[in-house]
C-alpha atoms as a PDB file:
ATOM      1  CA  MET A   1      26.955  -9.968 -12.997  1.00  0.00           C
ATOM      2  CA  SER A   2      25.083 -10.703  -9.436  1.00  0.00           C
ATOM      3  CA  THR A   3      21.532 -11.628  -8.963  1.00  0.00           C
ATOM      4  CA  ASP A   4      21.435  -8.572  -6.519  1.00  0.00           C
ATOM      5  CA  ARG A   5      22.903  -5.876  -8.772  1.00  0.00           C
ATOM      6  CA  THR A   6      20.828  -7.085 -11.412  1.00  0.00           C
ATOM      7  CA  GLN A   7      17.833  -6.582  -9.558  1.00  0.00           C
ATOM      8  CA  GLU A   8      18.390  -3.294  -8.316  1.00  0.00           C
ATOM      9  CA  LEU A   9      19.246  -1.789 -11.724  1.00  0.00           C
ATOM     10  CA  LEU A  10      15.558  -3.078 -13.064  1.00  0.00           C
ATOM     11  CA  ILE A  11      14.495  -1.325  -9.895  1.00  0.00           C
ATOM     12  CA  ASP A  12      16.553   1.598 -10.817  1.00  0.00           C
ATOM     13  CA  ALA A  13      15.010   1.584 -14.349  1.00  0.00           C
ATOM     14  CA  ALA A  14      11.343   0.896 -13.613  1.00  0.00           C
ATOM     15  CA  GLU A  15      11.247   3.869 -11.435  1.00  0.00           C
ATOM     16  CA  ARG A  16      12.842   6.249 -13.730  1.00  0.00           C
ATOM     17  CA  LEU A  17      10.304   5.101 -16.616  1.00  0.00           C
ATOM     18  CA  PHE A  18       7.221   4.501 -14.581  1.00  0.00           C
ATOM     19  CA  ALA A  19       7.732   8.208 -13.213  1.00  0.00           C
ATOM     20  CA  GLU A  20       8.250   9.691 -16.462  1.00  0.00           C
ATOM     21  CA  HIS A  21       5.502   7.558 -18.344  1.00  0.00           C
ATOM     22  CA  GLY A  22       3.228   6.124 -15.812  1.00  0.00           C
ATOM     23  CA  PHE A  23       2.620   2.605 -14.996  1.00  0.00           C
ATOM     24  CA  ASP A  24       0.653   1.344 -18.288  1.00  0.00           C
ATOM     25  CA  GLY A  25       3.310   3.652 -20.347  1.00  0.00           C
ATOM     26  CA  VAL A  26       6.055   1.173 -19.627  1.00  0.00           C
ATOM     27  CA  THR A  27       6.698  -1.980 -21.042  1.00  0.00           C
ATOM     28  CA  LEU A  28       8.637  -5.213 -19.744  1.00  0.00           C
ATOM     29  CA  LYS A  29      11.091  -4.779 -22.517  1.00  0.00           C
ATOM     30  CA  GLN A  30      11.702  -0.954 -22.282  1.00  0.00           C
ATOM     31  CA  ILE A  31      12.480  -1.388 -18.281  1.00  0.00           C
ATOM     32  CA  THR A  32      14.935  -4.395 -19.379  1.00  0.00           C
ATOM     33  CA  ALA A  33      16.723  -1.964 -21.689  1.00  0.00           C
ATOM     34  CA  GLU A  34      16.887   0.972 -19.495  1.00  0.00           C
ATOM     35  CA  ALA A  35      18.642  -1.119 -17.082  1.00  0.00           C
ATOM     36  CA  GLY A  36      21.114  -2.188 -19.873  1.00  0.00           C
ATOM     37  CA  GLN A  37      20.228  -6.067 -19.464  1.00  0.00           C
ATOM     38  CA  ARG A  38      20.583  -7.900 -22.626  1.00  0.00           C
ATOM     39  CA  ASN A  39      18.328 -10.751 -21.864  1.00  0.00           C
ATOM     40  CA  ALA A  40      14.634  -9.836 -22.614  1.00  0.00           C
ATOM     41  CA  SER A  41      13.211 -12.195 -20.032  1.00  0.00           C
ATOM     42  CA  ALA A  42      15.771 -11.126 -16.953  1.00  0.00           C
ATOM     43  CA  LEU A  43      12.603  -8.572 -15.588  1.00  0.00           C
ATOM     44  CA  GLN A  44      10.369 -12.083 -15.710  1.00  0.00           C
ATOM     45  CA  TYR A  45      12.832 -13.975 -13.737  1.00  0.00           C
ATOM     46  CA  HIS A  46      13.586 -12.001 -11.412  1.00  0.00           C
ATOM     47  CA  PHE A  47      10.366 -10.469 -10.528  1.00  0.00           C
ATOM     48  CA  GLY A  48       7.437 -12.277 -12.661  1.00  0.00           C
ATOM     49  CA  SER A  49       5.721  -9.243 -12.899  1.00  0.00           C
ATOM     50  CA  LYS A  50       5.438  -5.394 -13.413  1.00  0.00           C
ATOM     51  CA  VAL A  51       3.262  -5.452 -10.218  1.00  0.00           C
ATOM     52  CA  GLU A  52       5.963  -7.520  -8.248  1.00  0.00           C
ATOM     53  CA  LEU A  53       8.419  -5.114  -9.761  1.00  0.00           C
ATOM     54  CA  VAL A  54       6.123  -2.086  -8.023  1.00  0.00           C
ATOM     55  CA  ARG A  55       6.043  -4.197  -4.575  1.00  0.00           C
ATOM     56  CA  ALA A  56      10.099  -4.050  -4.828  1.00  0.00           C
ATOM     57  CA  ILE A  57      10.169  -0.658  -5.682  1.00  0.00           C
ATOM     58  CA  VAL A  58       7.741   0.083  -2.592  1.00  0.00           C
ATOM     59  CA  ALA A  59       9.788  -2.415  -0.385  1.00  0.00           C
ATOM     60  CA  ARG A  60      12.987  -0.767  -0.876  1.00  0.00           C
ATOM     61  CA  ARG A  61      11.341   2.614  -0.146  1.00  0.00           C
ATOM     62  CA  MET A  62       9.783   1.061   2.976  1.00  0.00           C
ATOM     63  CA  PRO A  63      12.840   2.086   5.818  1.00  0.00           C
ATOM     64  CA  ALA A  64      12.377   5.867   4.204  1.00  0.00           C
ATOM     65  CA  LEU A  65       8.883   5.351   4.288  1.00  0.00           C
ATOM     66  CA  ASN A  66       8.153   3.644   7.570  1.00  0.00           C
ATOM     67  CA  GLU A  67      10.425   6.623   9.583  1.00  0.00           C
ATOM     68  CA  ARG A  68       8.083   9.114   7.565  1.00  0.00           C
ATOM     69  CA  ARG A  69       5.204   7.442   8.679  1.00  0.00           C
ATOM     70  CA  ASN A  70       6.406   7.219  12.194  1.00  0.00           C
ATOM     71  CA  ARG A  71       7.312  10.927  12.361  1.00  0.00           C
ATOM     72  CA  LEU A  72       3.357  11.849  10.717  1.00  0.00           C
ATOM     73  CA  LEU A  73       2.215   9.513  13.789  1.00  0.00           C
ATOM     74  CA  ASP A  74       4.156  11.529  16.479  1.00  0.00           C
ATOM     75  CA  GLU A  75       3.004  14.853  14.930  1.00  0.00           C
ATOM     76  CA  VAL A  76      -0.754  13.070  15.401  1.00  0.00           C
ATOM     77  CA  GLU A  77      -0.085  12.373  18.755  1.00  0.00           C
ATOM     78  CA  ALA A  78       1.770  15.638  19.971  1.00  0.00           C
ATOM     79  CA  ALA A  79      -1.220  17.344  18.761  1.00  0.00           C
ATOM     80  CA  GLY A  80      -3.682  15.645  20.748  1.00  0.00           C
ATOM     81  CA  ARG A  81      -5.119  14.005  17.812  1.00  0.00           C
ATOM     82  CA  ALA A  82      -4.747  10.303  18.536  1.00  0.00           C
ATOM     83  CA  GLY A  83      -8.412  10.083  19.290  1.00  0.00           C
ATOM     84  CA  ASP A  84      -8.795  11.052  15.406  1.00  0.00           C
ATOM     85  CA  LEU A  85      -9.455   8.158  13.101  1.00  0.00           C
ATOM     86  CA  ARG A  86      -8.740  10.445   9.632  1.00  0.00           C
ATOM     87  CA  ALA A  87      -5.383  11.890  11.227  1.00  0.00           C
ATOM     88  CA  VAL A  88      -4.659   8.618  11.710  1.00  0.00           C
ATOM     89  CA  VAL A  89      -5.494   7.373   8.344  1.00  0.00           C
ATOM     90  CA  GLU A  90      -3.622  10.462   6.803  1.00  0.00           C
ATOM     91  CA  ALA A  91      -0.335   9.061   8.313  1.00  0.00           C
ATOM     92  CA  LEU A  92      -0.592   5.913   7.058  1.00  0.00           C
ATOM     93  CA  VAL A  93      -1.451   6.801   3.266  1.00  0.00           C
ATOM     94  CA  ARG A  94       0.069  10.055   2.858  1.00  0.00           C
ATOM     95  CA  PRO A  95       3.786   8.761   2.836  1.00  0.00           C
ATOM     96  CA  LEU A  96       2.587   6.262   0.302  1.00  0.00           C
ATOM     97  CA  GLY A  97       2.030   8.918  -2.061  1.00  0.00           C
ATOM     98  CA  ASP A  98       5.199  10.372  -1.854  1.00  0.00           C
ATOM     99  CA  VAL A  99       7.096   7.182  -2.578  1.00  0.00           C
ATOM    100  CA  VAL A 100       5.066   6.050  -5.561  1.00  0.00           C
ATOM    101  CA  ARG A 101       5.571   8.816  -7.504  1.00  0.00           C
ATOM    102  CA  ASN A 102       9.319  -6.812  11.082  1.00  0.00           C
ATOM    103  CA  ASP A 103      11.729  -3.384  11.445  1.00  0.00           C
ATOM    104  CA  PHE A 104      10.347  -1.745   7.953  1.00  0.00           C
ATOM    105  CA  ASN A 105       6.642  -1.981   9.251  1.00  0.00           C
ATOM    106  CA  THR A 106       6.579  -0.369  12.594  1.00  0.00           C
ATOM    107  CA  GLY A 107       4.852   2.343  11.039  1.00  0.00           C
ATOM    108  CA  VAL A 108       2.213   0.190   9.814  1.00  0.00           C
ATOM    109  CA  VAL A 109       1.806  -1.651  12.925  1.00  0.00           C
ATOM    110  CA  ARG A 110       1.120   1.155  15.180  1.00  0.00           C
ATOM    111  CA  GLY A 111      -0.933   3.376  12.966  1.00  0.00           C
ATOM    112  CA  GLY A 112      -2.816   0.041  12.696  1.00  0.00           C
ATOM    113  CA  LEU A 113      -3.119  -0.376  16.426  1.00  0.00           C
ATOM    114  CA  MET A 114      -4.270   3.262  17.000  1.00  0.00           C
ATOM    115  CA  ALA A 115      -6.457   3.240  14.196  1.00  0.00           C
ATOM    116  CA  ALA A 116      -7.912  -0.134  15.626  1.00  0.00           C
ATOM    117  CA  ALA A 117      -9.025   1.729  19.094  1.00  0.00           C
ATOM    118  CA  LEU A 118     -10.803   4.107  16.850  1.00  0.00           C
ATOM    119  CA  MET A 119     -12.763   1.532  14.843  1.00  0.00           C
ATOM    120  CA  GLY A 120     -15.506   1.568  17.588  1.00  0.00           C
ATOM    121  CA  ASP A 121     -17.284  -1.726  18.357  1.00  0.00           C
ATOM    122  CA  LEU A 122     -16.774  -3.728  15.731  1.00  0.00           C
ATOM    123  CA  PRO A 123     -15.894  -7.352  15.772  1.00  0.00           C
ATOM    124  CA  PRO A 124     -12.638  -7.922  16.114  1.00  0.00           C
ATOM    125  CA  GLU A 125     -12.320 -10.509  13.096  1.00  0.00           C
ATOM    126  CA  VAL A 126     -13.749  -7.609  11.166  1.00  0.00           C
ATOM    127  CA  ILE A 127     -11.069  -4.781  12.055  1.00  0.00           C
ATOM    128  CA  ARG A 128      -8.443  -7.054  11.370  1.00  0.00           C
ATOM    129  CA  GLN A 129      -9.799  -7.853   7.796  1.00  0.00           C
ATOM    130  CA  ARG A 130     -10.149  -4.128   6.817  1.00  0.00           C
ATOM    131  CA  LEU A 131      -6.601  -3.268   8.307  1.00  0.00           C
ATOM    132  CA  THR A 132      -4.627  -5.996   6.917  1.00  0.00           C
ATOM    133  CA  LEU A 133      -6.634  -5.027   3.325  1.00  0.00           C
ATOM    134  CA  LEU A 134      -6.115  -1.713   3.736  1.00  0.00           C
ATOM    135  CA  PRO A 135      -1.966  -1.545   2.371  1.00  0.00           C
ATOM    136  CA  GLY A 136      -2.993  -3.260  -1.003  1.00  0.00           C
ATOM    137  CA  GLN A 137      -6.144  -1.141  -1.617  1.00  0.00           C
ATOM    138  CA  VAL A 138      -3.737   1.679  -0.996  1.00  0.00           C
ATOM    139  CA  LEU A 139      -0.736   0.658  -3.374  1.00  0.00           C
ATOM    140  CA  HIS A 140      -3.335  -0.230  -6.202  1.00  0.00           C
ATOM    141  CA  SER A 141      -5.162   2.934  -5.644  1.00  0.00           C
ATOM    142  CA  PHE A 142      -2.165   4.995  -6.424  1.00  0.00           C
ATOM    143  CA  VAL A 143      -1.180   2.617  -9.496  1.00  0.00           C
ATOM    144  CA  ASP A 144      -4.423   2.989 -10.620  1.00  0.00           C
ATOM    145  CA  ALA A 145      -4.142   6.838 -10.628  1.00  0.00           C
ATOM    146  CA  ASP A 146      -1.201   6.806 -12.603  1.00  0.00           C
ATOM    147  CA  ARG A 147      -3.060   4.320 -15.110  1.00  0.00           C
ATOM    148  CA  LEU A 148      -5.886   6.965 -15.292  1.00  0.00           C
ATOM    149  CA  LEU A 149      -3.386   9.861 -15.814  1.00  0.00           C
ATOM    150  CA  GLN A 150      -1.518   8.027 -18.319  1.00  0.00           C
ATOM    151  CA  ALA A 151      -4.777   7.345 -20.667  1.00  0.00           C
ATOM    152  CA  ASN A 152      -5.486  10.935 -20.721  1.00  0.00           C
ATOM    153  CA  GLY A 153      -1.652  11.404 -21.796  1.00  0.00           C
ATOM    154  CA  LYS A 154      -0.635  12.966 -18.749  1.00  0.00           C
ATOM    155  CA  THR A 155       2.175  11.833 -16.076  1.00  0.00           C
ATOM    156  CA  ARG A 156       1.655  12.376 -12.218  1.00  0.00           C
ATOM    157  CA  ARG A 157       4.260  15.034 -10.262  1.00  0.00           C
ATOM    158  CA  GLY A 158       2.926  14.447  -7.115  1.00  0.00           C
ATOM    159  CA  VAL A 159      -0.154  13.203  -5.238  1.00  0.00           C
ATOM    160  CA  SER A 160      -2.486  15.872  -5.846  1.00  0.00           C
ATOM    161  CA  PRO A 161      -4.855  16.833  -2.481  1.00  0.00           C
ATOM    162  CA  PHE A 162      -7.844  16.185  -3.896  1.00  0.00           C
ATOM    163  CA  PHE A 163      -7.048  12.755  -4.442  1.00  0.00           C
ATOM    164  CA  LEU A 164      -5.038  12.321  -1.132  1.00  0.00           C
ATOM    165  CA  HIS A 165      -8.176  13.699   0.890  1.00  0.00           C
ATOM    166  CA  GLY A 166     -10.786  11.802  -0.972  1.00  0.00           C
ATOM    167  CA  LEU A 167      -8.741   8.714  -0.996  1.00  0.00           C
ATOM    168  CA  ILE A 168      -8.283   9.455   3.118  1.00  0.00           C
ATOM    169  CA  ASP A 169     -12.041  10.135   3.424  1.00  0.00           C
ATOM    170  CA  MET A 170     -12.807   7.034   1.467  1.00  0.00           C
ATOM    171  CA  ILE A 171     -10.558   4.881   3.847  1.00  0.00           C
ATOM    172  CA  VAL A 172     -12.021   6.128   7.021  1.00  0.00           C
ATOM    173  CA  ALA A 173     -15.574   5.180   5.324  1.00  0.00           C
ATOM    174  CA  GLU A 174     -14.560   2.191   4.895  1.00  0.00           C
ATOM    175  CA  LEU A 175     -12.829   1.247   8.388  1.00  0.00           C
ATOM    176  CA  CYS A 176     -16.054   2.658  10.304  1.00  0.00           C
ATOM    177  CA  ALA A 177     -18.701   1.219   8.174  1.00  0.00           C
ATOM    178  CA  PRO A 178     -21.491  -0.709   9.703  1.00  0.00           C
ATOM    179  CA  VAL A 179     -21.272  -4.735   9.826  1.00  0.00           C
ATOM    180  CA  SER A 180     -23.732  -5.774   7.588  1.00  0.00           C
ATOM    181  CA  ALA A 181     -26.369  -8.633   8.963  1.00  0.00           C
ATOM    182  CA  GLU A 182     -24.598 -10.996   6.026  1.00  0.00           C
ATOM    183  CA  THR A 183     -20.995 -10.300   7.426  1.00  0.00           C
ATOM    184  CA  ARG A 184     -22.340 -11.042  10.912  1.00  0.00           C
ATOM    185  CA  ALA A 185     -23.884 -14.149   9.971  1.00  0.00           C
ATOM    186  CA  ALA A 186     -21.045 -15.574   7.713  1.00  0.00           C
ATOM    187  CA  LEU A 187     -18.467 -14.479  10.744  1.00  0.00           C
ATOM    188  CA  ALA A 188     -20.909 -16.190  13.270  1.00  0.00           C
ATOM    189  CA  ALA A 189     -21.068 -19.550  10.561  1.00  0.00           C
ATOM    190  CA  ARG A 190     -17.097 -20.271  10.349  1.00  0.00           C
ATOM    191  CA  PRO A 191     -15.768 -23.016  11.544  1.00  0.00           C
ATOM    192  CA  ALA A 192     -13.802 -22.263  14.657  1.00  0.00           C
ATOM    193  CA  ALA A 193     -10.938 -24.307  13.230  1.00  0.00           C
ATOM    194  CA  ALA A 194     -11.023 -21.525  10.350  1.00  0.00           C
ATOM    195  CA  ALA A 195     -11.274 -18.670  12.503  1.00  0.00           C
ATOM    196  CA  THR A 196      -8.044 -19.453  14.751  1.00  0.00           C
ATOM    197  CA  GLU A 197      -6.077 -20.246  11.239  1.00  0.00           C
ATOM    198  CA  GLY A 198      -7.198 -16.811   9.643  1.00  0.00           C
ATOM    199  CA  GLY A 199      -6.424 -14.747  12.821  1.00  0.00           C
ATOM    200  CA  GLN A 200      -2.987 -16.516  13.390  1.00  0.00           C
ATOM    201  CA  ARG A 201      -2.260 -15.329   9.595  1.00  0.00           C
ATOM    202  CA  GLY A 202      -4.371 -11.945   9.868  1.00  0.00           C
ATOM    203  CA  VAL A 203      -5.751 -12.160   6.707  1.00  0.00           C
ATOM    204  CA  LEU A 204      -9.411 -13.720   6.863  1.00  0.00           C
ATOM    205  CA  PRO A 205     -10.094 -16.200   4.569  1.00  0.00           C
END
């Protein structure tokens, strides 16, 4: 069996089991068995860990997720809400919640640019850092929500409105939070070479 086919089977199996039992309710052994793999270390070989497997699931869903994200951003603009940071953040966050039950990232780039324009007079480095950290935070928020439900013996059947809007509220507040004196001092003290390198990578060290 080809490597690509084995990876597809493992991702398919993981999606089914995570949906039924939550992230912490599924072991690597169960995923491997569900995928029909005799090699007990197949998942570790192809993905390394469950977290990387979740990332692979999201990556496979990215084209559809990106299409929905751009459609929501179109709706935001059509409704005259392009100046509403909360509406932009919701368009970025909501599609990922629907899924976790380059060309693939145009929605993220587009929404990020729209959000950056609405983040006031924050230093560009701070804006870049906050927007860079945002996708990972959102993904881990949904994974952690599943863990909490699993701990209480429940399985998520979709993102609850309370969880979704609470998460959006939190992100909007984070994006607009004032920059502390400590952060401004640390930013001013950064060597010019490090600042340039961090800007090129998009992630501030």
